[in-house]
Amino acid sequence: MSRMEQTRTDRFKTALLLMAATGLIVGLAFYLAGQPEVANLIWIAGVVPALAALVVEIVRSIGRGEVGLDIVAALSMSAALVFGETLAAAVVAVMYSGGTFLEAFAEGRARRSMKDLLSRVPRTATRHRNGGLEDVPLEEIAPGDRLLIRQGDVVPVDGSVTSDTAFLDTAALTGESLPVRLARGADAMSGSTNAGEAFDLTATREAKDSTYAGIVRLVEEAQASKAPMSRLADRWSLGFLVVTVSIAFAAWWFTGDPIRAVAVLVVATPCPLILAVPVALVAGLSRAAHFGVLIKGAGPLETMARIRTL
């Protein structure tokens, strides 16, 4: 998804939340003012956009062969509207749109953290060649090339120091706040910053195989991975859907009151539960990356919650 498309999607999710929340609040105001008919119309107006967006998303998910718990939310909103429980439908709409907004917010933070990581990667490097210097793209650097690392430059590839000394700021990699002094022959990691005078570096790896490129790949994989809890929710989504619908129909069948079925669907709507896991994980991964802490995946992050001693 391009940056423009992502921006439009984020704005759309924000608009859905605003419409649903505004409809709920304004409708409550009219209801308390003794105008329930107007309140019902306002609640319906706030629910329809969220329900339409949810149905479109469900159709797309089914097209990908995925069945999610969002179907319960769609059923609860639809049933509540059909049987006149517009307030309940409005509450579910706010829950759903609020959850998608929080998810988009967390993903936006993760994208910004990834952008910060990528912004540190230089696009070119200065290479010694035939007694002179030339700027070359990182892709053209090969092991054995001798590079000039000027003061303030980010080390583009892993290599060994060929000058007498080098002072590197490795805070982005190791969290060490003080510059590290390296002697001739010492290994220098890509992604560290030259905090001293210019020095020469002999490349030992290509850019794609260097330390910082590996960190970027790990963060990308971590943000795309699912935690055990999230995979468990996905695995049981179809069963939860079948059980919920069965209980709703049973409540309707035995009582003869369709409102009982609506109540079951509304209570079973799992929007906060569905979104809590991915939102928390994405936010945790991006926050950790902001402080220079690399967590290799969602599973390890979930495991860290059980740590009691360091």
C-alpha atoms as a PDB file:
ATOM      1  CA  MET A   1       0.000   0.000   0.000  1.00  0.00           C
ATOM      2  CA  SER A   2       1.385   3.384  -1.025  1.00  0.00           C
ATOM      3  CA  ARG A   3       1.830   6.219   1.437  1.00  0.00           C
ATOM      4  CA  MET A   4      -1.069   8.175  -0.129  1.00  0.00           C
ATOM      5  CA  GLU A   5      -3.394   5.167   0.046  1.00  0.00           C
ATOM      6  CA  GLN A   6      -2.379   4.535   3.655  1.00  0.00           C
ATOM      7  CA  THR A   7      -3.105   8.169   4.534  1.00  0.00           C
ATOM      8  CA  ARG A   8      -6.551   7.935   2.947  1.00  0.00           C
ATOM      9  CA  THR A   9      -7.255   4.715   4.831  1.00  0.00           C
ATOM     10  CA  ASP A  10      -6.219   6.268   8.157  1.00  0.00           C
ATOM     11  CA  ARG A  11      -8.401   9.320   7.499  1.00  0.00           C
ATOM     12  CA  PHE A  12     -11.333   7.083   6.585  1.00  0.00           C
ATOM     13  CA  LYS A  13     -11.009   5.132   9.843  1.00  0.00           C
ATOM     14  CA  THR A  14     -10.833   8.404  11.774  1.00  0.00           C
ATOM     15  CA  ALA A  15     -13.972   9.645  10.004  1.00  0.00           C
ATOM     16  CA  LEU A  16     -15.806   6.408  10.848  1.00  0.00           C
ATOM     17  CA  LEU A  17     -15.015   6.843  14.541  1.00  0.00           C
ATOM     18  CA  LEU A  18     -16.070  10.494  14.512  1.00  0.00           C
ATOM     19  CA  MET A  19     -19.382   9.692  12.805  1.00  0.00           C
ATOM     20  CA  ALA A  20     -20.158   6.775  15.112  1.00  0.00           C
ATOM     21  CA  ALA A  21     -19.173   8.616  18.306  1.00  0.00           C
ATOM     22  CA  THR A  22     -20.945  11.821  17.274  1.00  0.00           C
ATOM     23  CA  GLY A  23     -24.072   9.869  16.374  1.00  0.00           C
ATOM     24  CA  LEU A  24     -24.051   8.086  19.727  1.00  0.00           C
ATOM     25  CA  ILE A  25     -23.563  11.259  21.783  1.00  0.00           C
ATOM     26  CA  VAL A  26     -25.972  13.479  19.839  1.00  0.00           C
ATOM     27  CA  GLY A  27     -28.560  10.707  19.776  1.00  0.00           C
ATOM     28  CA  LEU A  28     -28.324  10.332  23.548  1.00  0.00           C
ATOM     29  CA  ALA A  29     -28.829  14.081  23.910  1.00  0.00           C
ATOM     30  CA  PHE A  30     -32.038  13.984  21.858  1.00  0.00           C
ATOM     31  CA  TYR A  31     -33.223  10.869  23.688  1.00  0.00           C
ATOM     32  CA  LEU A  32     -32.757  12.513  27.078  1.00  0.00           C
ATOM     33  CA  ALA A  33     -34.524  15.590  25.726  1.00  0.00           C
ATOM     34  CA  GLY A  34     -37.629  13.492  25.091  1.00  0.00           C
ATOM     35  CA  GLN A  35     -37.262  13.018  21.331  1.00  0.00           C
ATOM     36  CA  PRO A  36     -36.607   9.272  20.871  1.00  0.00           C
ATOM     37  CA  GLU A  37     -37.651   9.274  17.203  1.00  0.00           C
ATOM     38  CA  VAL A  38     -34.976  11.823  16.311  1.00  0.00           C
ATOM     39  CA  ALA A  39     -32.471   9.944  18.470  1.00  0.00           C
ATOM     40  CA  ASN A  40     -33.168   6.708  16.589  1.00  0.00           C
ATOM     41  CA  LEU A  41     -32.573   8.379  13.229  1.00  0.00           C
ATOM     42  CA  ILE A  42     -29.293   9.868  14.429  1.00  0.00           C
ATOM     43  CA  TRP A  43     -28.113   6.539  15.823  1.00  0.00           C
ATOM     44  CA  ILE A  44     -28.951   4.833  12.528  1.00  0.00           C
ATOM     45  CA  ALA A  45     -27.028   7.509  10.625  1.00  0.00           C
ATOM     46  CA  GLY A  46     -23.991   6.872  12.812  1.00  0.00           C
ATOM     47  CA  VAL A  47     -24.191   3.085  12.485  1.00  0.00           C
ATOM     48  CA  VAL A  48     -24.690   2.705   8.714  1.00  0.00           C
ATOM     49  CA  PRO A  49     -21.217   3.948   7.618  1.00  0.00           C
ATOM     50  CA  ALA A  50     -19.432   1.711  10.149  1.00  0.00           C
ATOM     51  CA  LEU A  51     -21.588  -1.279   9.224  1.00  0.00           C
ATOM     52  CA  ALA A  52     -21.024  -0.730   5.501  1.00  0.00           C
ATOM     53  CA  ALA A  53     -17.254  -0.501   5.990  1.00  0.00           C
ATOM     54  CA  LEU A  54     -17.300  -3.640   8.140  1.00  0.00           C
ATOM     55  CA  VAL A  55     -19.285  -5.608   5.552  1.00  0.00           C
ATOM     56  CA  VAL A  56     -16.844  -4.602   2.809  1.00  0.00           C
ATOM     57  CA  GLU A  57     -13.910  -5.718   4.971  1.00  0.00           C
ATOM     58  CA  ILE A  58     -15.626  -9.040   5.742  1.00  0.00           C
ATOM     59  CA  VAL A  59     -16.245  -9.694   2.032  1.00  0.00           C
ATOM     60  CA  ARG A  60     -12.576  -9.010   1.296  1.00  0.00           C
ATOM     61  CA  SER A  61     -11.482 -11.326   4.115  1.00  0.00           C
ATOM     62  CA  ILE A  62     -13.714 -14.134   2.870  1.00  0.00           C
ATOM     63  CA  GLY A  63     -12.267 -13.596  -0.608  1.00  0.00           C
ATOM     64  CA  ARG A  64      -8.831 -14.260   0.920  1.00  0.00           C
ATOM     65  CA  GLY A  65     -10.131 -17.414   2.573  1.00  0.00           C
ATOM     66  CA  GLU A  66     -10.231 -15.878   6.056  1.00  0.00           C
ATOM     67  CA  VAL A  67     -13.134 -15.957   8.504  1.00  0.00           C
ATOM     68  CA  GLY A  68     -12.814 -13.492  11.368  1.00  0.00           C
ATOM     69  CA  LEU A  69     -14.705 -12.565  14.491  1.00  0.00           C
ATOM     70  CA  ASP A  70     -15.769  -9.271  12.914  1.00  0.00           C
ATOM     71  CA  ILE A  71     -18.733 -11.174  11.450  1.00  0.00           C
ATOM     72  CA  VAL A  72     -20.256 -11.241  14.938  1.00  0.00           C
ATOM     73  CA  ALA A  73     -20.001  -7.444  15.114  1.00  0.00           C
ATOM     74  CA  ALA A  74     -21.708  -7.116  11.728  1.00  0.00           C
ATOM     75  CA  LEU A  75     -24.472  -9.506  12.778  1.00  0.00           C
ATOM     76  CA  SER A  76     -25.047  -7.691  16.064  1.00  0.00           C
ATOM     77  CA  MET A  77     -25.289  -4.264  14.397  1.00  0.00           C
ATOM     78  CA  SER A  78     -27.557  -5.582  11.640  1.00  0.00           C
ATOM     79  CA  ALA A  79     -29.857  -7.435  14.036  1.00  0.00           C
ATOM     80  CA  ALA A  80     -30.036  -4.452  16.381  1.00  0.00           C
ATOM     81  CA  LEU A  81     -31.071  -2.163  13.512  1.00  0.00           C
ATOM     82  CA  VAL A  82     -33.646  -4.637  12.172  1.00  0.00           C
ATOM     83  CA  PHE A  83     -35.321  -5.085  15.549  1.00  0.00           C
ATOM     84  CA  GLY A  84     -35.206  -1.418  16.529  1.00  0.00           C
ATOM     85  CA  GLU A  85     -32.405  -1.566  19.111  1.00  0.00           C
ATOM     86  CA  THR A  86     -30.611   1.388  17.546  1.00  0.00           C
ATOM     87  CA  LEU A  87     -28.786   2.425  20.721  1.00  0.00           C
ATOM     88  CA  ALA A  88     -27.177  -1.007  21.019  1.00  0.00           C
ATOM     89  CA  ALA A  89     -26.184  -0.829  17.351  1.00  0.00           C
ATOM     90  CA  ALA A  90     -24.623   2.593  17.933  1.00  0.00           C
ATOM     91  CA  VAL A  91     -22.594   1.310  20.888  1.00  0.00           C
ATOM     92  CA  VAL A  92     -21.246  -1.618  18.845  1.00  0.00           C
ATOM     93  CA  ALA A  93     -20.438   0.759  15.970  1.00  0.00           C
ATOM     94  CA  VAL A  94     -18.368   2.928  18.318  1.00  0.00           C
ATOM     95  CA  MET A  95     -16.598  -0.165  19.664  1.00  0.00           C
ATOM     96  CA  TYR A  96     -15.737  -1.379  16.163  1.00  0.00           C
ATOM     97  CA  SER A  97     -14.702   1.979  14.697  1.00  0.00           C
ATOM     98  CA  GLY A  98     -12.764   2.842  17.853  1.00  0.00           C
ATOM     99  CA  GLY A  99     -10.867  -0.426  17.643  1.00  0.00           C
ATOM    100  CA  THR A 100      -9.950   0.066  13.987  1.00  0.00           C
ATOM    101  CA  PHE A 101      -8.834   3.622  14.762  1.00  0.00           C
ATOM    102  CA  LEU A 102      -6.554   2.412  17.563  1.00  0.00           C
ATOM    103  CA  GLU A 103      -5.161  -0.275  15.272  1.00  0.00           C
ATOM    104  CA  ALA A 104      -4.428   2.309  12.562  1.00  0.00           C
ATOM    105  CA  PHE A 105      -2.805   4.590  15.151  1.00  0.00           C
ATOM    106  CA  ALA A 106      -0.535   1.806  16.414  1.00  0.00           C
ATOM    107  CA  GLU A 107       0.381   0.786  12.859  1.00  0.00           C
ATOM    108  CA  GLY A 108       1.187   4.416  12.076  1.00  0.00           C
ATOM    109  CA  ARG A 109       3.604   4.537  14.992  1.00  0.00           C
ATOM    110  CA  ALA A 110       5.205   1.338  13.765  1.00  0.00           C
ATOM    111  CA  ARG A 111       5.592   2.807  10.274  1.00  0.00           C
ATOM    112  CA  ARG A 112       7.204   5.932  11.705  1.00  0.00           C
ATOM    113  CA  SER A 113       9.649   3.817  13.701  1.00  0.00           C
ATOM    114  CA  MET A 114      10.515   1.871  10.569  1.00  0.00           C
ATOM    115  CA  LYS A 115      10.954   5.138   8.674  1.00  0.00           C
ATOM    116  CA  ASP A 116      13.361   6.334  11.376  1.00  0.00           C
ATOM    117  CA  LEU A 117      15.334   3.113  11.020  1.00  0.00           C
ATOM    118  CA  LEU A 118      15.490   3.401   7.243  1.00  0.00           C
ATOM    119  CA  SER A 119      16.414   7.096   7.372  1.00  0.00           C
ATOM    120  CA  ARG A 120      19.718   6.162   9.028  1.00  0.00           C
ATOM    121  CA  VAL A 121      20.737   3.979   6.095  1.00  0.00           C
ATOM    122  CA  PRO A 122      23.013   5.945   3.737  1.00  0.00           C
ATOM    123  CA  ARG A 123      22.284   5.678   0.035  1.00  0.00           C
ATOM    124  CA  THR A 124      25.901   6.099  -1.094  1.00  0.00           C
ATOM    125  CA  ALA A 125      29.414   5.608   0.263  1.00  0.00           C
ATOM    126  CA  THR A 126      32.795   7.177  -0.518  1.00  0.00           C
ATOM    127  CA  ARG A 127      35.218   4.622  -1.943  1.00  0.00           C
ATOM    128  CA  HIS A 128      38.961   4.886  -2.559  1.00  0.00           C
ATOM    129  CA  ARG A 129      39.725   4.111  -6.196  1.00  0.00           C
ATOM    130  CA  ASN A 130      42.831   4.697  -8.347  1.00  0.00           C
ATOM    131  CA  GLY A 131      44.298   7.175  -5.875  1.00  0.00           C
ATOM    132  CA  GLY A 132      41.090   9.214  -5.660  1.00  0.00           C
ATOM    133  CA  LEU A 133      37.626   9.125  -4.114  1.00  0.00           C
ATOM    134  CA  GLU A 134      34.284   8.321  -5.683  1.00  0.00           C
ATOM    135  CA  ASP A 135      30.726   8.217  -4.398  1.00  0.00           C
ATOM    136  CA  VAL A 136      29.059   4.906  -5.219  1.00  0.00           C
ATOM    137  CA  PRO A 137      25.663   3.358  -4.390  1.00  0.00           C
ATOM    138  CA  LEU A 138      25.690   0.901  -1.508  1.00  0.00           C
ATOM    139  CA  GLU A 139      24.762  -1.919  -3.879  1.00  0.00           C
ATOM    140  CA  GLU A 140      28.129  -1.568  -5.642  1.00  0.00           C
ATOM    141  CA  ILE A 141      30.229  -1.981  -2.491  1.00  0.00           C
ATOM    142  CA  ALA A 142      31.957  -5.361  -2.326  1.00  0.00           C
ATOM    143  CA  PRO A 143      34.036  -6.999   0.402  1.00  0.00           C
ATOM    144  CA  GLY A 144      37.580  -5.675   0.215  1.00  0.00           C
ATOM    145  CA  ASP A 145      36.628  -2.155  -0.917  1.00  0.00           C
ATOM    146  CA  ARG A 146      38.302   0.609   1.108  1.00  0.00           C
ATOM    147  CA  LEU A 147      35.862   3.310   2.179  1.00  0.00           C
ATOM    148  CA  LEU A 148      36.287   6.765   3.681  1.00  0.00           C
ATOM    149  CA  ILE A 149      34.018   7.398   6.668  1.00  0.00           C
ATOM    150  CA  ARG A 150      33.844  11.127   7.346  1.00  0.00           C
ATOM    151  CA  GLN A 151      32.946  12.687  10.690  1.00  0.00           C
ATOM    152  CA  GLY A 152      29.211  12.346  11.285  1.00  0.00           C
ATOM    153  CA  ASP A 153      28.764   9.693   8.582  1.00  0.00           C
ATOM    154  CA  VAL A 154      26.841   6.500   9.265  1.00  0.00           C
ATOM    155  CA  VAL A 155      28.939   3.408   8.599  1.00  0.00           C
ATOM    156  CA  PRO A 156      27.313   1.964   5.446  1.00  0.00           C
ATOM    157  CA  VAL A 157      28.519  -1.657   5.649  1.00  0.00           C
ATOM    158  CA  ASP A 158      30.208  -3.947   8.125  1.00  0.00           C
ATOM    159  CA  GLY A 159      33.989  -3.708   7.907  1.00  0.00           C
ATOM    160  CA  SER A 160      37.314  -3.468   9.686  1.00  0.00           C
ATOM    161  CA  VAL A 161      39.065  -0.240  10.656  1.00  0.00           C
ATOM    162  CA  THR A 162      42.192   0.375   8.550  1.00  0.00           C
ATOM    163  CA  SER A 163      43.136   3.697  10.169  1.00  0.00           C
ATOM    164  CA  ASP A 164      44.967   3.916  13.485  1.00  0.00           C
ATOM    165  CA  THR A 165      41.820   4.668  15.501  1.00  0.00           C
ATOM    166  CA  ALA A 166      38.124   5.342  15.074  1.00  0.00           C
ATOM    167  CA  PHE A 167      35.480   6.640  17.474  1.00  0.00           C
ATOM    168  CA  LEU A 168      32.006   5.276  16.785  1.00  0.00           C
ATOM    169  CA  ASP A 169      28.639   6.111  18.313  1.00  0.00           C
ATOM    170  CA  THR A 170      26.882   2.744  18.526  1.00  0.00           C
ATOM    171  CA  ALA A 171      23.851   3.932  20.513  1.00  0.00           C
ATOM    172  CA  ALA A 172      21.434   3.003  17.722  1.00  0.00           C
ATOM    173  CA  LEU A 173      22.736  -0.570  17.760  1.00  0.00           C
ATOM    174  CA  THR A 174      23.778  -1.373  21.315  1.00  0.00           C
ATOM    175  CA  GLY A 175      22.330   1.424  23.443  1.00  0.00           C
ATOM    176  CA  GLU A 176      25.824   2.443  24.579  1.00  0.00           C
ATOM    177  CA  SER A 177      25.658   6.203  25.178  1.00  0.00           C
ATOM    178  CA  LEU A 178      29.418   6.878  25.002  1.00  0.00           C
ATOM    179  CA  PRO A 179      31.464   6.651  21.782  1.00  0.00           C
ATOM    180  CA  VAL A 180      33.499   3.467  21.422  1.00  0.00           C
ATOM    181  CA  ARG A 181      37.190   3.665  20.496  1.00  0.00           C
ATOM    182  CA  LEU A 182      38.267   1.123  17.887  1.00  0.00           C
ATOM    183  CA  ALA A 183      41.866   0.319  16.990  1.00  0.00           C
ATOM    184  CA  ARG A 184      43.207  -0.726  13.625  1.00  0.00           C
ATOM    185  CA  GLY A 185      41.744  -4.059  12.558  1.00  0.00           C
ATOM    186  CA  ALA A 186      38.718  -3.824  14.855  1.00  0.00           C
ATOM    187  CA  ASP A 187      35.298  -4.669  13.454  1.00  0.00           C
ATOM    188  CA  ALA A 188      32.894  -1.777  12.837  1.00  0.00           C
ATOM    189  CA  MET A 189      29.162  -2.409  12.506  1.00  0.00           C
ATOM    190  CA  SER A 190      27.008  -0.740   9.899  1.00  0.00           C
ATOM    191  CA  GLY A 191      24.513   1.698  11.407  1.00  0.00           C
ATOM    192  CA  SER A 192      27.005   3.179  13.871  1.00  0.00           C
ATOM    193  CA  THR A 193      27.988   6.839  13.474  1.00  0.00           C
ATOM    194  CA  ASN A 194      31.496   8.243  13.190  1.00  0.00           C
ATOM    195  CA  ALA A 195      31.896  10.424  16.295  1.00  0.00           C
ATOM    196  CA  GLY A 196      35.549  11.293  15.659  1.00  0.00           C
ATOM    197  CA  GLU A 197      37.862  12.160  12.815  1.00  0.00           C
ATOM    198  CA  ALA A 198      37.510  10.611   9.381  1.00  0.00           C
ATOM    199  CA  PHE A 199      38.877   7.087   9.071  1.00  0.00           C
ATOM    200  CA  ASP A 200      39.226   4.352   6.487  1.00  0.00           C
ATOM    201  CA  LEU A 201      37.178   1.177   6.583  1.00  0.00           C
ATOM    202  CA  THR A 202      37.668  -2.020   4.601  1.00  0.00           C
ATOM    203  CA  ALA A 203      34.302  -3.609   3.787  1.00  0.00           C
ATOM    204  CA  THR A 204      33.881  -7.195   4.932  1.00  0.00           C
ATOM    205  CA  ARG A 205      30.257  -7.656   3.856  1.00  0.00           C
ATOM    206  CA  GLU A 206      27.882  -6.357   1.234  1.00  0.00           C
ATOM    207  CA  ALA A 207      25.270  -3.829   2.363  1.00  0.00           C
ATOM    208  CA  LYS A 208      22.397  -6.338   2.206  1.00  0.00           C
ATOM    209  CA  ASP A 209      24.268  -8.734   4.496  1.00  0.00           C
ATOM    210  CA  SER A 210      25.471  -6.139   7.011  1.00  0.00           C
ATOM    211  CA  THR A 211      24.325  -5.678  10.586  1.00  0.00           C
ATOM    212  CA  TYR A 212      21.979  -2.732  10.085  1.00  0.00           C
ATOM    213  CA  ALA A 213      20.243  -4.280   7.078  1.00  0.00           C
ATOM    214  CA  GLY A 214      19.646  -7.354   9.222  1.00  0.00           C
ATOM    215  CA  ILE A 215      18.125  -5.218  11.980  1.00  0.00           C
ATOM    216  CA  VAL A 216      15.741  -3.564   9.522  1.00  0.00           C
ATOM    217  CA  ARG A 217      14.666  -6.975   8.205  1.00  0.00           C
ATOM    218  CA  LEU A 218      14.115  -8.309  11.716  1.00  0.00           C
ATOM    219  CA  VAL A 219      11.929  -5.330  12.658  1.00  0.00           C
ATOM    220  CA  GLU A 220       9.884  -5.771   9.477  1.00  0.00           C
ATOM    221  CA  GLU A 221       9.404  -9.471  10.223  1.00  0.00           C
ATOM    222  CA  ALA A 222       8.552  -8.764  13.861  1.00  0.00           C
ATOM    223  CA  GLN A 223       5.872  -6.235  12.935  1.00  0.00           C
ATOM    224  CA  ALA A 224       4.348  -8.694  10.452  1.00  0.00           C
ATOM    225  CA  SER A 225       4.418 -11.681  12.813  1.00  0.00           C
ATOM    226  CA  LYS A 226       1.599 -12.870  15.039  1.00  0.00           C
ATOM    227  CA  ALA A 227       1.843 -13.740  18.689  1.00  0.00           C
ATOM    228  CA  PRO A 228       0.576 -17.097  20.003  1.00  0.00           C
ATOM    229  CA  MET A 229      -2.443 -15.370  21.556  1.00  0.00           C
ATOM    230  CA  SER A 230      -3.331 -13.708  18.245  1.00  0.00           C
ATOM    231  CA  ARG A 231      -2.963 -16.976  16.322  1.00  0.00           C
ATOM    232  CA  LEU A 232      -5.167 -18.691  18.922  1.00  0.00           C
ATOM    233  CA  ALA A 233      -7.916 -16.086  18.417  1.00  0.00           C
ATOM    234  CA  ASP A 234      -7.743 -16.570  14.641  1.00  0.00           C
ATOM    235  CA  ARG A 235      -7.824 -20.365  14.989  1.00  0.00           C
ATOM    236  CA  TRP A 236     -11.004 -20.354  17.078  1.00  0.00           C
ATOM    237  CA  SER A 237     -12.795 -17.543  15.230  1.00  0.00           C
ATOM    238  CA  LEU A 238     -15.015 -19.861  13.150  1.00  0.00           C
ATOM    239  CA  GLY A 239     -15.955 -21.961  16.162  1.00  0.00           C
ATOM    240  CA  PHE A 240     -16.746 -18.856  18.211  1.00  0.00           C
ATOM    241  CA  LEU A 241     -18.928 -17.551  15.374  1.00  0.00           C
ATOM    242  CA  VAL A 242     -20.890 -20.810  15.104  1.00  0.00           C
ATOM    243  CA  VAL A 243     -21.413 -21.061  18.870  1.00  0.00           C
ATOM    244  CA  THR A 244     -22.500 -17.415  19.162  1.00  0.00           C
ATOM    245  CA  VAL A 245     -25.032 -17.647  16.328  1.00  0.00           C
ATOM    246  CA  SER A 246     -26.350 -20.953  17.701  1.00  0.00           C
ATOM    247  CA  ILE A 247     -26.898 -19.498  21.167  1.00  0.00           C
ATOM    248  CA  ALA A 248     -28.577 -16.415  19.671  1.00  0.00           C
ATOM    249  CA  PHE A 249     -31.025 -18.540  17.661  1.00  0.00           C
ATOM    250  CA  ALA A 250     -31.638 -20.779  20.663  1.00  0.00           C
ATOM    251  CA  ALA A 251     -32.478 -17.755  22.809  1.00  0.00           C
ATOM    252  CA  TRP A 252     -34.910 -16.566  20.130  1.00  0.00           C
ATOM    253  CA  TRP A 253     -36.421 -20.037  19.685  1.00  0.00           C
ATOM    254  CA  PHE A 254     -37.062 -20.779  23.344  1.00  0.00           C
ATOM    255  CA  THR A 255     -38.287 -17.312  24.349  1.00  0.00           C
ATOM    256  CA  GLY A 256     -39.988 -16.230  21.149  1.00  0.00           C
ATOM    257  CA  ASP A 257     -38.383 -12.823  21.634  1.00  0.00           C
ATOM    258  CA  PRO A 258     -35.910 -11.744  18.904  1.00  0.00           C
ATOM    259  CA  ILE A 259     -34.494  -9.112  21.241  1.00  0.00           C
ATOM    260  CA  ARG A 260     -32.926 -11.941  23.256  1.00  0.00           C
ATOM    261  CA  ALA A 261     -30.978 -12.981  20.150  1.00  0.00           C
ATOM    262  CA  VAL A 262     -29.869  -9.384  19.637  1.00  0.00           C
ATOM    263  CA  ALA A 263     -28.706  -9.247  23.256  1.00  0.00           C
ATOM    264  CA  VAL A 264     -26.599 -12.390  22.787  1.00  0.00           C
ATOM    265  CA  LEU A 265     -24.974 -11.014  19.622  1.00  0.00           C
ATOM    266  CA  VAL A 266     -24.235  -7.633  21.195  1.00  0.00           C
ATOM    267  CA  VAL A 267     -22.741  -9.161  24.330  1.00  0.00           C
ATOM    268  CA  ALA A 268     -20.646 -11.572  22.241  1.00  0.00           C
ATOM    269  CA  THR A 269     -19.248  -8.840  19.998  1.00  0.00           C
ATOM    270  CA  PRO A 270     -15.481  -9.246  20.485  1.00  0.00           C
ATOM    271  CA  CYS A 271     -14.153  -6.094  18.797  1.00  0.00           C
ATOM    272  CA  PRO A 272     -12.004  -4.992  21.765  1.00  0.00           C
ATOM    273  CA  LEU A 273     -10.697  -8.550  22.261  1.00  0.00           C
ATOM    274  CA  ILE A 274      -9.856  -8.989  18.570  1.00  0.00           C
ATOM    275  CA  LEU A 275      -7.986  -5.714  18.323  1.00  0.00           C
ATOM    276  CA  ALA A 276      -6.356  -5.637  21.758  1.00  0.00           C
ATOM    277  CA  VAL A 277      -3.651  -8.181  20.886  1.00  0.00           C
ATOM    278  CA  PRO A 278      -2.405  -6.742  17.558  1.00  0.00           C
ATOM    279  CA  VAL A 279      -2.622  -3.148  18.783  1.00  0.00           C
ATOM    280  CA  ALA A 280      -0.637  -3.923  21.942  1.00  0.00           C
ATOM    281  CA  LEU A 281       1.976  -5.910  20.037  1.00  0.00           C
ATOM    282  CA  VAL A 282       2.513  -3.377  17.254  1.00  0.00           C
ATOM    283  CA  ALA A 283       2.687  -0.536  19.782  1.00  0.00           C
ATOM    284  CA  GLY A 284       5.154  -2.476  21.927  1.00  0.00           C
ATOM    285  CA  LEU A 285       7.417  -3.344  19.002  1.00  0.00           C
ATOM    286  CA  SER A 286       7.463   0.220  17.681  1.00  0.00           C
ATOM    287  CA  ARG A 287       8.056   1.697  21.137  1.00  0.00           C
ATOM    288  CA  ALA A 288      10.939  -0.688  21.739  1.00  0.00           C
ATOM    289  CA  ALA A 289      12.462   0.197  18.360  1.00  0.00           C
ATOM    290  CA  HIS A 290      12.199   3.883  19.295  1.00  0.00           C
ATOM    291  CA  PHE A 291      14.471   3.226  22.296  1.00  0.00           C
ATOM    292  CA  GLY A 292      16.856   1.116  20.238  1.00  0.00           C
ATOM    293  CA  VAL A 293      15.605  -2.216  21.580  1.00  0.00           C
ATOM    294  CA  LEU A 294      15.145  -4.903  18.935  1.00  0.00           C
ATOM    295  CA  ILE A 295      12.562  -7.602  19.666  1.00  0.00           C
ATOM    296  CA  LYS A 296      12.737 -10.375  17.086  1.00  0.00           C
ATOM    297  CA  GLY A 297       9.035 -11.167  16.988  1.00  0.00           C
ATOM    298  CA  ALA A 298       5.600 -10.920  18.543  1.00  0.00           C
ATOM    299  CA  GLY A 299       6.034 -14.246  20.339  1.00  0.00           C
ATOM    300  CA  PRO A 300       9.116 -13.165  22.319  1.00  0.00           C
ATOM    301  CA  LEU A 301       7.394  -9.887  23.211  1.00  0.00           C
ATOM    302  CA  GLU A 302       4.436 -11.782  24.642  1.00  0.00           C
ATOM    303  CA  THR A 303       6.797 -14.061  26.572  1.00  0.00           C
ATOM    304  CA  MET A 304       8.510 -11.026  28.128  1.00  0.00           C
ATOM    305  CA  ALA A 305       5.311 -10.284  30.051  1.00  0.00           C
ATOM    306  CA  ARG A 306       6.068 -13.311  32.233  1.00  0.00           C
ATOM    307  CA  ILE A 307       9.605 -12.197  33.106  1.00  0.00           C
ATOM    308  CA  ARG A 308       9.990 -11.504  36.825  1.00  0.00           C
ATOM    309  CA  THR A 309      13.780 -11.386  37.234  1.00  0.00           C
ATOM    310  CA  LEU A 310      16.503  -9.839  35.065  1.00  0.00           C
END
